[in-house]
Every structure is written in structure tokens, then in C-alpha cells.
Amino acid sequence: MPLGDVSDHSRAETFYSSDDVQALIESRYPLIPTTETTPGPSRYFKMADSGSRVGFISPHSHNFCDTCNRVRVTVEGRLLLCLGNEHSVDLRAVLRRHPAICRYLKRRLSMPCR
């Protein structure tokens, strides 16, 4: 997934589309599309000669913005709603300004998932 600024080269210089990766794999191992889905954006294929599964997440060549259901938190504490741009919220600063929210989140995050 592309993330952050690239200053020493163009992204186009290192871009290799999921279609290209899929074609490379299929040149040796036939792939069969599946109807399998997960809560994420992957498109899945089974390898014809084994039980292996391959999933592709293709933010540029097969955009999935309309079905994205993820947020990300960087190691610096910034909340990203989209990896496709640089807009973010300084979540760490918000939590430090409002300690009650921080305590609430800690309690909620330590509860078992339902």
C-alpha cells in the first residue's frame, strides 16, 4: 500500500500493478477466481494445482475506496482515514488533551470482542 511522500523517485518508477503480478504468477501457476470474500478489500484466487490461496489488494489498479472499511493509526499516533492521501488527525494529541477519553478507550479495547 502506498503511504507517505516519496522524494527520491517517482512512484511510477517502482509501480508494478496487481494485474502484472497476477500475470506473472499465472505464467507458472494457473489461478482460478473465487467468490470468497473477507471484511477487507482483497480479491482472492485459488491456485489450480494446490490448495493455496492468493489475495490481491490493488489500491491503484483496482481502486476500492467505495468499499473501504478501515482506518489506520501510524506509529506517530496519527489517525489516517485513507492511505491514498496525507490528511490525518493527531490522535495522540487528542488523547493527551482529554485523558477521560483515553481511559474510556483503554477499558473498551481491553474488553473481549463480540
C-alpha atoms as a PDB file:
ATOM      1  CA  MET A   1       0.000   0.000   0.000  1.00  0.00           C
ATOM      2  CA  PRO A   2       1.365   3.407  -0.870  1.00  0.00           C
ATOM      3  CA  LEU A   3       1.889   5.563   2.174  1.00  0.00           C
ATOM      4  CA  GLY A   4       3.675   8.860   2.612  1.00  0.00           C
ATOM      5  CA  ASP A   5       5.705  11.105   0.401  1.00  0.00           C
ATOM      6  CA  VAL A   6       8.355   9.703  -1.893  1.00  0.00           C
ATOM      7  CA  SER A   7      11.040  12.271  -2.639  1.00  0.00           C
ATOM      8  CA  ASP A   8      13.919  10.372  -4.221  1.00  0.00           C
ATOM      9  CA  HIS A   9      11.966   8.895  -7.158  1.00  0.00           C
ATOM     10  CA  SER A  10       8.590   8.837  -8.836  1.00  0.00           C
ATOM     11  CA  ARG A  11       6.091   6.202  -7.661  1.00  0.00           C
ATOM     12  CA  ALA A  12       5.644   5.319 -11.345  1.00  0.00           C
ATOM     13  CA  GLU A  13       9.262   4.113 -11.424  1.00  0.00           C
ATOM     14  CA  THR A  14       8.560   1.393  -8.869  1.00  0.00           C
ATOM     15  CA  PHE A  15       4.878   0.680  -9.578  1.00  0.00           C
ATOM     16  CA  TYR A  16       4.043  -2.896 -10.547  1.00  0.00           C
ATOM     17  CA  SER A  17       0.297  -3.413 -10.837  1.00  0.00           C
ATOM     18  CA  SER A  18      -1.579  -6.298  -9.288  1.00  0.00           C
ATOM     19  CA  ASP A  19      -2.574  -7.312 -12.806  1.00  0.00           C
ATOM     20  CA  ASP A  20       1.127  -7.622 -13.678  1.00  0.00           C
ATOM     21  CA  VAL A  21       1.816  -9.644 -10.519  1.00  0.00           C
ATOM     22  CA  GLN A  22      -1.164 -11.871 -11.265  1.00  0.00           C
ATOM     23  CA  ALA A  23       0.020 -12.425 -14.847  1.00  0.00           C
ATOM     24  CA  LEU A  24       3.497 -13.306 -13.597  1.00  0.00           C
ATOM     25  CA  ILE A  25       2.108 -15.874 -11.162  1.00  0.00           C
ATOM     26  CA  GLU A  26      -0.257 -17.270 -13.787  1.00  0.00           C
ATOM     27  CA  SER A  27       2.623 -17.792 -16.215  1.00  0.00           C
ATOM     28  CA  ARG A  28       3.657 -20.699 -13.944  1.00  0.00           C
ATOM     29  CA  TYR A  29       0.648 -21.430 -11.747  1.00  0.00           C
ATOM     30  CA  PRO A  30      -2.904 -21.137 -13.118  1.00  0.00           C
ATOM     31  CA  LEU A  31      -5.171 -19.077 -10.855  1.00  0.00           C
ATOM     32  CA  ILE A  32      -8.906 -19.571 -10.516  1.00  0.00           C
ATOM     33  CA  PRO A  33     -11.011 -16.603  -9.312  1.00  0.00           C
ATOM     34  CA  THR A  34     -13.095 -17.343  -6.209  1.00  0.00           C
ATOM     35  CA  THR A  35     -16.228 -15.777  -4.812  1.00  0.00           C
ATOM     36  CA  GLU A  36     -14.624 -15.801  -1.362  1.00  0.00           C
ATOM     37  CA  THR A  37     -14.811 -12.513   0.495  1.00  0.00           C
ATOM     38  CA  THR A  38     -13.433 -11.132   3.734  1.00  0.00           C
ATOM     39  CA  PRO A  39     -14.125  -7.862   5.542  1.00  0.00           C
ATOM     40  CA  GLY A  40     -11.177  -6.331   3.660  1.00  0.00           C
ATOM     41  CA  PRO A  41     -10.553  -5.302   0.043  1.00  0.00           C
ATOM     42  CA  SER A  42      -8.710  -8.426  -1.193  1.00  0.00           C
ATOM     43  CA  ARG A  43      -9.693 -10.230  -4.380  1.00  0.00           C
ATOM     44  CA  TYR A  44      -8.971 -13.944  -3.982  1.00  0.00           C
ATOM     45  CA  PHE A  45      -7.798 -16.662  -6.346  1.00  0.00           C
ATOM     46  CA  LYS A  46      -7.051 -20.348  -5.794  1.00  0.00           C
ATOM     47  CA  MET A  47      -4.053 -21.998  -7.329  1.00  0.00           C
ATOM     48  CA  ALA A  48      -5.307 -24.717  -9.690  1.00  0.00           C
ATOM     49  CA  ASP A  49      -2.640 -27.249  -8.724  1.00  0.00           C
ATOM     50  CA  SER A  50      -2.798 -26.834  -4.926  1.00  0.00           C
ATOM     51  CA  GLY A  51      -5.000 -25.663  -2.091  1.00  0.00           C
ATOM     52  CA  SER A  52      -3.121 -22.374  -1.873  1.00  0.00           C
ATOM     53  CA  ARG A  53      -4.969 -19.083  -1.994  1.00  0.00           C
ATOM     54  CA  VAL A  54      -3.653 -15.773  -3.307  1.00  0.00           C
ATOM     55  CA  GLY A  55      -5.217 -12.416  -2.452  1.00  0.00           C
ATOM     56  CA  PHE A  56      -4.613  -9.102  -4.186  1.00  0.00           C
ATOM     57  CA  ILE A  57      -5.137  -5.666  -2.678  1.00  0.00           C
ATOM     58  CA  SER A  58      -4.868  -3.181  -5.513  1.00  0.00           C
ATOM     59  CA  PRO A  59      -5.265   0.431  -4.395  1.00  0.00           C
ATOM     60  CA  HIS A  60      -4.173   1.873  -7.749  1.00  0.00           C
ATOM     61  CA  SER A  61      -5.119  -0.608 -10.451  1.00  0.00           C
ATOM     62  CA  HIS A  62      -8.411  -1.772  -8.840  1.00  0.00           C
ATOM     63  CA  ASN A  63      -9.473   1.087  -6.598  1.00  0.00           C
ATOM     64  CA  PHE A  64     -11.612   0.025  -3.629  1.00  0.00           C
ATOM     65  CA  CYS A  65     -12.384   3.376  -1.961  1.00  0.00           C
ATOM     66  CA  ASP A  66     -16.144   2.806  -2.143  1.00  0.00           C
ATOM     67  CA  THR A  67     -15.893  -0.385  -0.055  1.00  0.00           C
ATOM     68  CA  CYS A  68     -13.043   0.586   2.281  1.00  0.00           C
ATOM     69  CA  ASN A  69     -13.920  -0.016   5.922  1.00  0.00           C
ATOM     70  CA  ARG A  70     -10.554   0.637   7.558  1.00  0.00           C
ATOM     71  CA  VAL A  71      -8.790   3.339   9.481  1.00  0.00           C
ATOM     72  CA  ARG A  72      -5.096   3.251  10.302  1.00  0.00           C
ATOM     73  CA  VAL A  73      -3.054   4.605  13.179  1.00  0.00           C
ATOM     74  CA  THR A  74       0.574   5.424  12.457  1.00  0.00           C
ATOM     75  CA  VAL A  75       3.401   4.806  14.917  1.00  0.00           C
ATOM     76  CA  GLU A  76       3.417   8.580  15.489  1.00  0.00           C
ATOM     77  CA  GLY A  77      -0.204   8.453  16.691  1.00  0.00           C
ATOM     78  CA  ARG A  78      -1.807   9.954  13.596  1.00  0.00           C
ATOM     79  CA  LEU A  79      -5.211   8.634  12.531  1.00  0.00           C
ATOM     80  CA  LEU A  80      -5.480   8.083   8.765  1.00  0.00           C
ATOM     81  CA  LEU A  81      -8.871   7.579   7.168  1.00  0.00           C
ATOM     82  CA  CYS A  82      -7.296   6.954   3.774  1.00  0.00           C
ATOM     83  CA  LEU A  83      -3.872   5.745   2.676  1.00  0.00           C
ATOM     84  CA  GLY A  84      -4.359   7.493  -0.643  1.00  0.00           C
ATOM     85  CA  ASN A  85      -3.702  10.971   0.766  1.00  0.00           C
ATOM     86  CA  GLU A  86      -1.775  12.698   3.518  1.00  0.00           C
ATOM     87  CA  HIS A  87      -4.768  14.002   5.527  1.00  0.00           C
ATOM     88  CA  SER A  88      -4.715  12.809   9.134  1.00  0.00           C
ATOM     89  CA  VAL A  89      -5.680  13.689  12.692  1.00  0.00           C
ATOM     90  CA  ASP A  90      -3.182  13.804  15.537  1.00  0.00           C
ATOM     91  CA  LEU A  91      -4.927  11.220  17.694  1.00  0.00           C
ATOM     92  CA  ARG A  92      -2.146  11.234  20.271  1.00  0.00           C
ATOM     93  CA  ALA A  93      -2.659  14.962  20.905  1.00  0.00           C
ATOM     94  CA  VAL A  94      -6.429  14.498  21.286  1.00  0.00           C
ATOM     95  CA  LEU A  95      -5.942  11.673  23.795  1.00  0.00           C
ATOM     96  CA  ARG A  96      -3.431  13.703  25.780  1.00  0.00           C
ATOM     97  CA  ARG A  97      -5.775  16.712  25.923  1.00  0.00           C
ATOM     98  CA  HIS A  98      -8.717  14.545  27.041  1.00  0.00           C
ATOM     99  CA  PRO A  99      -7.486  11.879  29.498  1.00  0.00           C
ATOM    100  CA  ALA A 100     -11.039  10.710  30.273  1.00  0.00           C
ATOM    101  CA  ILE A 101     -11.425   9.641  26.634  1.00  0.00           C
ATOM    102  CA  CYS A 102      -8.114   7.801  26.885  1.00  0.00           C
ATOM    103  CA  ARG A 103      -9.264   5.881  29.992  1.00  0.00           C
ATOM    104  CA  TYR A 104     -12.573   5.018  28.291  1.00  0.00           C
ATOM    105  CA  LEU A 105     -10.791   3.737  25.180  1.00  0.00           C
ATOM    106  CA  LYS A 106      -8.411   1.621  27.251  1.00  0.00           C
ATOM    107  CA  ARG A 107     -11.368  -0.017  29.017  1.00  0.00           C
ATOM    108  CA  ARG A 108     -13.200  -0.646  25.753  1.00  0.00           C
ATOM    109  CA  LEU A 109     -10.148  -2.012  23.970  1.00  0.00           C
ATOM    110  CA  SER A 110      -9.435  -4.466  26.783  1.00  0.00           C
ATOM    111  CA  MET A 111     -12.957  -5.946  26.586  1.00  0.00           C
ATOM    112  CA  PRO A 112     -13.404  -9.205  24.646  1.00  0.00           C
ATOM    113  CA  CYS A 113     -14.656  -8.874  21.077  1.00  0.00           C
ATOM    114  CA  ARG A 114     -18.260  -9.773  20.403  1.00  0.00           C
END
